[in-house]
Amino acid sequence: MSRRSILSATTRETLFGIPTAVDDLMRHYLLSTADLELIKTRRRSENRLGLAVHLSLLRHPGQGWLDGMALPSEFLDWLGYQLHLSPQLLSEYASRGATRTAHHTLAMQHLELSAFTSAHVDLAEEIATSAAFSTDHGVKIVETLISRLRQHKLVLPSLNTLERLALKGRARARRE
């Protein structure tokens, strides 16, 4: 039996895709002065670019740089432009797995984010249930859940987890 989904493929892409339009790149991925200062602390160019990717993807879509994630060339070109680096340097990034993990942790600390853990599930279910009292529309529930988890400065869980939490909240609201 297939997993139940409340989001279409288009909605999933809208919420969690990496935008490629220039206006969207500027809105989501413009590096601040503080970001640039942190990035400059890395010695190697490929590590500076890699850290910029971590920072950017923790901001939007909010889950960080996931394994196997395809990074659009427009996104890499935009970050490279800001850092005066070639996007091709990313192919040399993180020959040690520990570097990628350390940069993810550093980016989370810089952005004052915490990992979403099992301790946050009850909070997320409450948010989803509260949202479901206002609407039965799954997309709106997921959007509210994302917004509120960001307000709590949490890295977003997987899209499947968000959908499951939204479905659970909607079912609970319907029962109540």
C-alpha atoms as a PDB file:
ATOM      1  CA  MET A   1       0.000   0.000   0.000  1.00  0.00           C
ATOM      2  CA  SER A   2       1.410   3.382  -0.965  1.00  0.00           C
ATOM      3  CA  ARG A   3       1.980   6.165   1.509  1.00  0.00           C
ATOM      4  CA  ARG A   4      -0.773   8.730   1.736  1.00  0.00           C
ATOM      5  CA  SER A   5       0.180  12.168   0.434  1.00  0.00           C
ATOM      6  CA  ILE A   6      -1.557  15.507   0.823  1.00  0.00           C
ATOM      7  CA  LEU A   7       0.827  17.437  -1.433  1.00  0.00           C
ATOM      8  CA  SER A   8       1.028  17.241  -5.202  1.00  0.00           C
ATOM      9  CA  ALA A   9       4.402  16.982  -6.927  1.00  0.00           C
ATOM     10  CA  THR A  10       4.057  20.628  -7.983  1.00  0.00           C
ATOM     11  CA  THR A  11       3.382  21.759  -4.418  1.00  0.00           C
ATOM     12  CA  ARG A  12       6.322  19.700  -3.137  1.00  0.00           C
ATOM     13  CA  GLU A  13       8.569  21.440  -5.677  1.00  0.00           C
ATOM     14  CA  THR A  14       7.170  24.863  -4.743  1.00  0.00           C
ATOM     15  CA  LEU A  15       7.758  24.311  -1.020  1.00  0.00           C
ATOM     16  CA  PHE A  16      11.059  22.426  -1.144  1.00  0.00           C
ATOM     17  CA  GLY A  17      12.612  23.008  -4.531  1.00  0.00           C
ATOM     18  CA  ILE A  18      15.616  25.235  -4.995  1.00  0.00           C
ATOM     19  CA  PRO A  19      14.450  28.205  -7.061  1.00  0.00           C
ATOM     20  CA  THR A  20      16.310  29.177 -10.210  1.00  0.00           C
ATOM     21  CA  ALA A  21      14.706  32.509 -11.145  1.00  0.00           C
ATOM     22  CA  VAL A  22      16.986  35.478 -10.468  1.00  0.00           C
ATOM     23  CA  ASP A  23      14.456  37.265  -8.220  1.00  0.00           C
ATOM     24  CA  ASP A  24      13.952  34.117  -6.126  1.00  0.00           C
ATOM     25  CA  LEU A  25      17.692  33.499  -5.866  1.00  0.00           C
ATOM     26  CA  MET A  26      18.205  37.058  -4.613  1.00  0.00           C
ATOM     27  CA  ARG A  27      15.297  36.812  -2.164  1.00  0.00           C
ATOM     28  CA  HIS A  28      16.296  33.467  -0.644  1.00  0.00           C
ATOM     29  CA  TYR A  29      20.063  33.268  -1.068  1.00  0.00           C
ATOM     30  CA  LEU A  30      21.576  36.723  -0.695  1.00  0.00           C
ATOM     31  CA  LEU A  31      24.458  36.244   1.745  1.00  0.00           C
ATOM     32  CA  SER A  32      24.637  38.754   4.591  1.00  0.00           C
ATOM     33  CA  THR A  33      27.789  40.443   5.852  1.00  0.00           C
ATOM     34  CA  ALA A  34      27.796  38.073   8.836  1.00  0.00           C
ATOM     35  CA  ASP A  35      27.460  35.097   6.472  1.00  0.00           C
ATOM     36  CA  LEU A  36      30.377  36.327   4.383  1.00  0.00           C
ATOM     37  CA  GLU A  37      32.535  36.832   7.469  1.00  0.00           C
ATOM     38  CA  LEU A  38      31.834  33.251   8.586  1.00  0.00           C
ATOM     39  CA  ILE A  39      32.491  31.887   5.102  1.00  0.00           C
ATOM     40  CA  LYS A  40      35.838  33.709   4.963  1.00  0.00           C
ATOM     41  CA  THR A  41      36.999  31.697   7.988  1.00  0.00           C
ATOM     42  CA  ARG A  42      37.350  28.646   5.721  1.00  0.00           C
ATOM     43  CA  ARG A  43      40.820  28.388   4.145  1.00  0.00           C
ATOM     44  CA  ARG A  44      40.036  26.510   0.951  1.00  0.00           C
ATOM     45  CA  SER A  45      37.828  27.966  -1.773  1.00  0.00           C
ATOM     46  CA  GLU A  46      35.774  24.789  -2.179  1.00  0.00           C
ATOM     47  CA  ASN A  47      35.058  24.811   1.568  1.00  0.00           C
ATOM     48  CA  ARG A  48      33.915  28.431   1.406  1.00  0.00           C
ATOM     49  CA  LEU A  49      31.496  27.538  -1.386  1.00  0.00           C
ATOM     50  CA  GLY A  50      30.347  24.395   0.441  1.00  0.00           C
ATOM     51  CA  LEU A  51      29.631  26.332   3.622  1.00  0.00           C
ATOM     52  CA  ALA A  52      27.653  28.882   1.596  1.00  0.00           C
ATOM     53  CA  VAL A  53      25.524  26.042   0.212  1.00  0.00           C
ATOM     54  CA  HIS A  54      24.841  24.778   3.744  1.00  0.00           C
ATOM     55  CA  LEU A  55      23.853  28.247   4.981  1.00  0.00           C
ATOM     56  CA  SER A  56      21.633  28.881   1.986  1.00  0.00           C
ATOM     57  CA  LEU A  57      19.765  25.587   2.074  1.00  0.00           C
ATOM     58  CA  LEU A  58      19.167  25.812   5.811  1.00  0.00           C
ATOM     59  CA  ARG A  59      17.450  29.143   5.152  1.00  0.00           C
ATOM     60  CA  HIS A  60      15.422  27.880   2.219  1.00  0.00           C
ATOM     61  CA  PRO A  61      13.911  25.374   1.894  1.00  0.00           C
ATOM     62  CA  GLY A  62      14.967  24.834   5.513  1.00  0.00           C
ATOM     63  CA  GLN A  63      16.235  21.271   5.606  1.00  0.00           C
ATOM     64  CA  GLY A  64      19.858  21.838   4.720  1.00  0.00           C
ATOM     65  CA  TRP A  65      21.968  20.102   2.109  1.00  0.00           C
ATOM     66  CA  LEU A  66      20.581  16.578   1.926  1.00  0.00           C
ATOM     67  CA  ASP A  67      22.536  13.642   0.521  1.00  0.00           C
ATOM     68  CA  GLY A  68      21.896  13.170  -3.174  1.00  0.00           C
ATOM     69  CA  MET A  69      20.318  16.612  -3.543  1.00  0.00           C
ATOM     70  CA  ALA A  70      20.746  18.001  -7.050  1.00  0.00           C
ATOM     71  CA  LEU A  71      21.887  21.613  -6.905  1.00  0.00           C
ATOM     72  CA  PRO A  72      20.753  23.722  -9.882  1.00  0.00           C
ATOM     73  CA  SER A  73      23.522  25.454 -11.775  1.00  0.00           C
ATOM     74  CA  GLU A  74      21.731  28.808 -11.364  1.00  0.00           C
ATOM     75  CA  PHE A  75      21.891  28.400  -7.580  1.00  0.00           C
ATOM     76  CA  LEU A  76      25.600  27.545  -7.641  1.00  0.00           C
ATOM     77  CA  ASP A  77      26.321  30.354 -10.107  1.00  0.00           C
ATOM     78  CA  TRP A  78      24.568  32.838  -7.765  1.00  0.00           C
ATOM     79  CA  LEU A  79      26.567  31.723  -4.724  1.00  0.00           C
ATOM     80  CA  GLY A  80      29.782  31.652  -6.755  1.00  0.00           C
ATOM     81  CA  TYR A  81      29.086  35.178  -8.003  1.00  0.00           C
ATOM     82  CA  GLN A  82      28.681  36.481  -4.449  1.00  0.00           C
ATOM     83  CA  LEU A  83      31.852  34.743  -3.259  1.00  0.00           C
ATOM     84  CA  HIS A  84      33.882  35.419  -6.426  1.00  0.00           C
ATOM     85  CA  LEU A  85      34.405  31.672  -6.799  1.00  0.00           C
ATOM     86  CA  SER A  86      33.829  29.207  -9.610  1.00  0.00           C
ATOM     87  CA  PRO A  87      30.840  26.918  -8.982  1.00  0.00           C
ATOM     88  CA  GLN A  88      32.951  24.037 -10.358  1.00  0.00           C
ATOM     89  CA  LEU A  89      34.947  24.135  -7.105  1.00  0.00           C
ATOM     90  CA  LEU A  90      32.075  22.317  -5.440  1.00  0.00           C
ATOM     91  CA  SER A  91      33.187  19.095  -7.143  1.00  0.00           C
ATOM     92  CA  GLU A  92      36.278  19.220  -4.888  1.00  0.00           C
ATOM     93  CA  TYR A  93      34.264  19.913  -1.732  1.00  0.00           C
ATOM     94  CA  ALA A  94      34.245  17.615   1.292  1.00  0.00           C
ATOM     95  CA  SER A  95      36.604  14.852   0.321  1.00  0.00           C
ATOM     96  CA  ARG A  96      36.324  14.067   4.038  1.00  0.00           C
ATOM     97  CA  GLY A  97      32.763  13.345   5.184  1.00  0.00           C
ATOM     98  CA  ALA A  98      33.517  15.060   8.479  1.00  0.00           C
ATOM     99  CA  THR A  99      33.961  18.388   6.672  1.00  0.00           C
ATOM    100  CA  ARG A 100      30.404  18.344   5.365  1.00  0.00           C
ATOM    101  CA  THR A 101      29.037  17.442   8.812  1.00  0.00           C
ATOM    102  CA  ALA A 102      31.135  20.118  10.502  1.00  0.00           C
ATOM    103  CA  HIS A 103      29.969  22.757   8.021  1.00  0.00           C
ATOM    104  CA  HIS A 104      26.327  21.748   8.488  1.00  0.00           C
ATOM    105  CA  THR A 105      26.730  22.090  12.263  1.00  0.00           C
ATOM    106  CA  LEU A 106      28.564  25.411  11.896  1.00  0.00           C
ATOM    107  CA  ALA A 107      25.827  26.755   9.608  1.00  0.00           C
ATOM    108  CA  MET A 108      23.132  25.663  12.084  1.00  0.00           C
ATOM    109  CA  GLN A 109      24.952  27.434  14.930  1.00  0.00           C
ATOM    110  CA  HIS A 110      25.410  30.581  12.829  1.00  0.00           C
ATOM    111  CA  LEU A 111      21.692  30.637  12.000  1.00  0.00           C
ATOM    112  CA  GLU A 112      20.794  29.702  15.599  1.00  0.00           C
ATOM    113  CA  LEU A 113      18.897  26.617  14.449  1.00  0.00           C
ATOM    114  CA  SER A 114      18.271  23.355  16.269  1.00  0.00           C
ATOM    115  CA  ALA A 115      17.737  19.950  14.742  1.00  0.00           C
ATOM    116  CA  PHE A 116      14.181  18.629  14.620  1.00  0.00           C
ATOM    117  CA  THR A 117      14.149  15.619  16.940  1.00  0.00           C
ATOM    118  CA  SER A 118      11.578  13.260  18.395  1.00  0.00           C
ATOM    119  CA  ALA A 119      11.241  15.754  21.267  1.00  0.00           C
ATOM    120  CA  HIS A 120       9.676  18.203  18.792  1.00  0.00           C
ATOM    121  CA  VAL A 121       7.039  15.818  17.407  1.00  0.00           C
ATOM    122  CA  ASP A 122       4.406  16.768  20.006  1.00  0.00           C
ATOM    123  CA  LEU A 123       4.942  20.467  19.272  1.00  0.00           C
ATOM    124  CA  ALA A 124       4.611  19.839  15.542  1.00  0.00           C
ATOM    125  CA  GLU A 125       1.443  17.783  16.030  1.00  0.00           C
ATOM    126  CA  GLU A 126      -0.072  20.601  18.103  1.00  0.00           C
ATOM    127  CA  ILE A 127       0.791  23.126  15.397  1.00  0.00           C
ATOM    128  CA  ALA A 128      -0.744  20.905  12.704  1.00  0.00           C
ATOM    129  CA  THR A 129      -3.879  20.297  14.754  1.00  0.00           C
ATOM    130  CA  SER A 130      -4.289  23.995  15.452  1.00  0.00           C
ATOM    131  CA  ALA A 131      -3.875  24.770  11.753  1.00  0.00           C
ATOM    132  CA  ALA A 132      -6.386  22.064  10.848  1.00  0.00           C
ATOM    133  CA  PHE A 133      -9.042  23.735  13.012  1.00  0.00           C
ATOM    134  CA  SER A 134      -8.852  26.704  10.628  1.00  0.00           C
ATOM    135  CA  THR A 135      -8.702  24.756   7.365  1.00  0.00           C
ATOM    136  CA  ASP A 136      -9.038  21.240   6.061  1.00  0.00           C
ATOM    137  CA  HIS A 137      -6.729  22.021   3.140  1.00  0.00           C
ATOM    138  CA  GLY A 138      -3.561  19.923   3.446  1.00  0.00           C
ATOM    139  CA  VAL A 139      -1.280  22.441   1.755  1.00  0.00           C
ATOM    140  CA  LYS A 140      -2.306  25.195   4.174  1.00  0.00           C
ATOM    141  CA  ILE A 141      -1.685  22.902   7.137  1.00  0.00           C
ATOM    142  CA  VAL A 142       1.803  22.012   5.864  1.00  0.00           C
ATOM    143  CA  GLU A 143       2.592  25.679   5.118  1.00  0.00           C
ATOM    144  CA  THR A 144       1.535  26.661   8.645  1.00  0.00           C
ATOM    145  CA  LEU A 145       3.591  23.829  10.092  1.00  0.00           C
ATOM    146  CA  ILE A 146       6.658  24.937   8.130  1.00  0.00           C
ATOM    147  CA  SER A 147       6.191  28.565   9.137  1.00  0.00           C
ATOM    148  CA  ARG A 148       5.778  27.801  12.827  1.00  0.00           C
ATOM    149  CA  LEU A 149       8.695  25.350  12.961  1.00  0.00           C
ATOM    150  CA  ARG A 150      10.849  28.078  11.407  1.00  0.00           C
ATOM    151  CA  GLN A 151       9.639  30.494  14.104  1.00  0.00           C
ATOM    152  CA  HIS A 152      10.841  27.952  16.658  1.00  0.00           C
ATOM    153  CA  LYS A 153      14.228  28.019  14.854  1.00  0.00           C
ATOM    154  CA  LEU A 154      14.118  24.346  13.921  1.00  0.00           C
ATOM    155  CA  VAL A 155      15.621  22.686  10.877  1.00  0.00           C
ATOM    156  CA  LEU A 156      12.659  21.269   9.004  1.00  0.00           C
ATOM    157  CA  PRO A 157      12.160  17.509   9.061  1.00  0.00           C
ATOM    158  CA  SER A 158      11.736  15.548   5.848  1.00  0.00           C
ATOM    159  CA  LEU A 159       8.797  16.316   3.611  1.00  0.00           C
ATOM    160  CA  ASN A 160       7.359  12.879   4.380  1.00  0.00           C
ATOM    161  CA  THR A 161       7.492  13.659   8.111  1.00  0.00           C
ATOM    162  CA  LEU A 162       5.814  17.028   7.558  1.00  0.00           C
ATOM    163  CA  GLU A 163       3.045  15.388   5.550  1.00  0.00           C
ATOM    164  CA  ARG A 164       2.570  12.687   8.163  1.00  0.00           C
ATOM    165  CA  LEU A 165       2.352  15.317  10.915  1.00  0.00           C
ATOM    166  CA  ALA A 166      -0.147  17.359   8.876  1.00  0.00           C
ATOM    167  CA  LEU A 167      -2.315  14.285   8.257  1.00  0.00           C
ATOM    168  CA  LYS A 168      -2.195  13.386  11.932  1.00  0.00           C
ATOM    169  CA  GLY A 169      -3.109  16.952  12.955  1.00  0.00           C
ATOM    170  CA  ARG A 170      -5.972  17.072  10.467  1.00  0.00           C
ATOM    171  CA  ALA A 171      -7.335  13.720  11.675  1.00  0.00           C
ATOM    172  CA  ARG A 172      -7.096  14.868  15.299  1.00  0.00           C
ATOM    173  CA  ALA A 173      -8.877  18.160  14.506  1.00  0.00           C
ATOM    174  CA  ARG A 174     -11.645  16.266  12.713  1.00  0.00           C
ATOM    175  CA  ARG A 175     -12.123  13.977  15.737  1.00  0.00           C
ATOM    176  CA  GLU A 176     -12.214  16.891  18.158  1.00  0.00           C
END
